[in-house]
Amino acid sequence: MLMSGGSGTGTCTEVLQHVPLASVTAEQLALSLPGIRSTQQLRAALLQRYGVMFPGLDETQVVARGCAITRLILDG
């Protein structure tokens, strides 16, 4: 995995798929990727990353697919 300052290893402990944006908590956003600290920023990131992947879907449909939340335990 890539982290600030280089790469590292870790163990994935949980993956939640298709989580509605309205269900993403402030705590989860605080631990999210840099630049994603609000549902508006999350929405924009999803559209940027997945809008081109699903050209037959409009913005509402892309966002309705939800997001993934992954919990990791980073090694030392």
C-alpha atoms as a PDB file:
ATOM      1  CA  MET A   1       0.000   0.000   0.000  1.00  0.00           C
ATOM      2  CA  LEU A   2       1.145   3.556  -0.577  1.00  0.00           C
ATOM      3  CA  MET A   3       1.321   5.916   2.372  1.00  0.00           C
ATOM      4  CA  SER A   4       2.700   9.380   2.873  1.00  0.00           C
ATOM      5  CA  GLY A   5       6.440   9.001   3.044  1.00  0.00           C
ATOM      6  CA  GLY A   6       6.535   5.801   1.003  1.00  0.00           C
ATOM      7  CA  SER A   7       4.923   2.414   1.067  1.00  0.00           C
ATOM      8  CA  GLY A   8       4.049   0.042   3.852  1.00  0.00           C
ATOM      9  CA  THR A   9       2.255  -3.133   4.691  1.00  0.00           C
ATOM     10  CA  GLY A  10      -0.805  -3.888   6.717  1.00  0.00           C
ATOM     11  CA  THR A  11      -3.649  -6.294   7.287  1.00  0.00           C
ATOM     12  CA  CYS A  12      -7.147  -5.649   5.999  1.00  0.00           C
ATOM     13  CA  THR A  13      -9.604  -6.379   8.802  1.00  0.00           C
ATOM     14  CA  GLU A  14     -12.888  -5.283   7.222  1.00  0.00           C
ATOM     15  CA  VAL A  15     -14.305  -4.102   3.912  1.00  0.00           C
ATOM     16  CA  LEU A  16     -17.761  -2.595   3.543  1.00  0.00           C
ATOM     17  CA  GLN A  17     -19.010  -2.184  -0.038  1.00  0.00           C
ATOM     18  CA  HIS A  18     -21.733   0.052  -1.477  1.00  0.00           C
ATOM     19  CA  VAL A  19     -21.996   2.216   1.649  1.00  0.00           C
ATOM     20  CA  PRO A  20     -24.404   5.117   1.001  1.00  0.00           C
ATOM     21  CA  LEU A  21     -22.686   8.469   1.417  1.00  0.00           C
ATOM     22  CA  ALA A  22     -25.283   9.496   4.010  1.00  0.00           C
ATOM     23  CA  SER A  23     -24.140   6.544   6.153  1.00  0.00           C
ATOM     24  CA  VAL A  24     -20.465   7.534   6.210  1.00  0.00           C
ATOM     25  CA  THR A  25     -19.703   8.906   9.677  1.00  0.00           C
ATOM     26  CA  ALA A  26     -17.595  11.912  10.640  1.00  0.00           C
ATOM     27  CA  GLU A  27     -15.146   9.495  12.294  1.00  0.00           C
ATOM     28  CA  GLN A  28     -14.771   7.517   9.056  1.00  0.00           C
ATOM     29  CA  LEU A  29     -14.257  10.721   7.064  1.00  0.00           C
ATOM     30  CA  ALA A  30     -11.609  11.893   9.558  1.00  0.00           C
ATOM     31  CA  LEU A  31      -9.672   8.677   8.870  1.00  0.00           C
ATOM     32  CA  SER A  32     -10.193   8.821   5.114  1.00  0.00           C
ATOM     33  CA  LEU A  33      -7.728   9.586   2.355  1.00  0.00           C
ATOM     34  CA  PRO A  34      -6.201  13.072   2.393  1.00  0.00           C
ATOM     35  CA  GLY A  35      -8.552  15.564   0.786  1.00  0.00           C
ATOM     36  CA  ILE A  36     -11.695  13.631   1.705  1.00  0.00           C
ATOM     37  CA  ARG A  37     -13.037  15.046   4.969  1.00  0.00           C
ATOM     38  CA  SER A  38     -16.658  15.744   4.043  1.00  0.00           C
ATOM     39  CA  THR A  39     -19.446  14.007   2.154  1.00  0.00           C
ATOM     40  CA  GLN A  40     -19.145  16.699  -0.524  1.00  0.00           C
ATOM     41  CA  GLN A  41     -15.465  15.879  -1.016  1.00  0.00           C
ATOM     42  CA  LEU A  42     -16.280  12.157  -1.016  1.00  0.00           C
ATOM     43  CA  ARG A  43     -18.967  12.707  -3.655  1.00  0.00           C
ATOM     44  CA  ALA A  44     -16.538  14.669  -5.827  1.00  0.00           C
ATOM     45  CA  ALA A  45     -13.863  11.970  -5.467  1.00  0.00           C
ATOM     46  CA  LEU A  46     -16.311   9.217  -6.425  1.00  0.00           C
ATOM     47  CA  LEU A  47     -17.425  11.131  -9.502  1.00  0.00           C
ATOM     48  CA  GLN A  48     -13.834  11.842 -10.537  1.00  0.00           C
ATOM     49  CA  ARG A  49     -12.698   8.244 -10.083  1.00  0.00           C
ATOM     50  CA  TYR A  50     -15.745   6.312 -11.230  1.00  0.00           C
ATOM     51  CA  GLY A  51     -17.611   8.646 -13.580  1.00  0.00           C
ATOM     52  CA  VAL A  52     -15.418   7.583 -16.490  1.00  0.00           C
ATOM     53  CA  MET A  53     -15.629   3.937 -15.431  1.00  0.00           C
ATOM     54  CA  PHE A  54     -19.420   3.978 -15.803  1.00  0.00           C
ATOM     55  CA  PRO A  55     -20.110   6.231 -18.807  1.00  0.00           C
ATOM     56  CA  GLY A  56     -23.719   5.012 -19.054  1.00  0.00           C
ATOM     57  CA  LEU A  57     -24.551   6.325 -15.583  1.00  0.00           C
ATOM     58  CA  ASP A  58     -25.322   9.917 -14.678  1.00  0.00           C
ATOM     59  CA  GLU A  59     -23.793  11.552 -11.591  1.00  0.00           C
ATOM     60  CA  THR A  60     -26.701  10.572  -9.352  1.00  0.00           C
ATOM     61  CA  GLN A  61     -26.384   6.931 -10.387  1.00  0.00           C
ATOM     62  CA  VAL A  62     -22.615   6.883  -9.851  1.00  0.00           C
ATOM     63  CA  VAL A  63     -22.987   8.322  -6.338  1.00  0.00           C
ATOM     64  CA  ALA A  64     -25.881   5.952  -5.585  1.00  0.00           C
ATOM     65  CA  ARG A  65     -23.455   3.029  -5.990  1.00  0.00           C
ATOM     66  CA  GLY A  66     -21.954   4.178  -2.690  1.00  0.00           C
ATOM     67  CA  CYS A  67     -18.383   3.891  -1.515  1.00  0.00           C
ATOM     68  CA  ALA A  68     -16.156   1.282   0.084  1.00  0.00           C
ATOM     69  CA  ILE A  69     -14.808   1.550   3.604  1.00  0.00           C
ATOM     70  CA  THR A  70     -11.709  -0.486   4.403  1.00  0.00           C
ATOM     71  CA  ARG A  71     -10.240  -0.960   7.857  1.00  0.00           C
ATOM     72  CA  LEU A  72      -6.536  -1.665   8.049  1.00  0.00           C
ATOM     73  CA  ILE A  73      -4.046  -2.468  10.765  1.00  0.00           C
ATOM     74  CA  LEU A  74      -0.772  -0.992   9.590  1.00  0.00           C
ATOM     75  CA  ASP A  75       2.444  -2.834  10.335  1.00  0.00           C
ATOM     76  CA  GLY A  76       5.023  -1.107  12.550  1.00  0.00           C
END
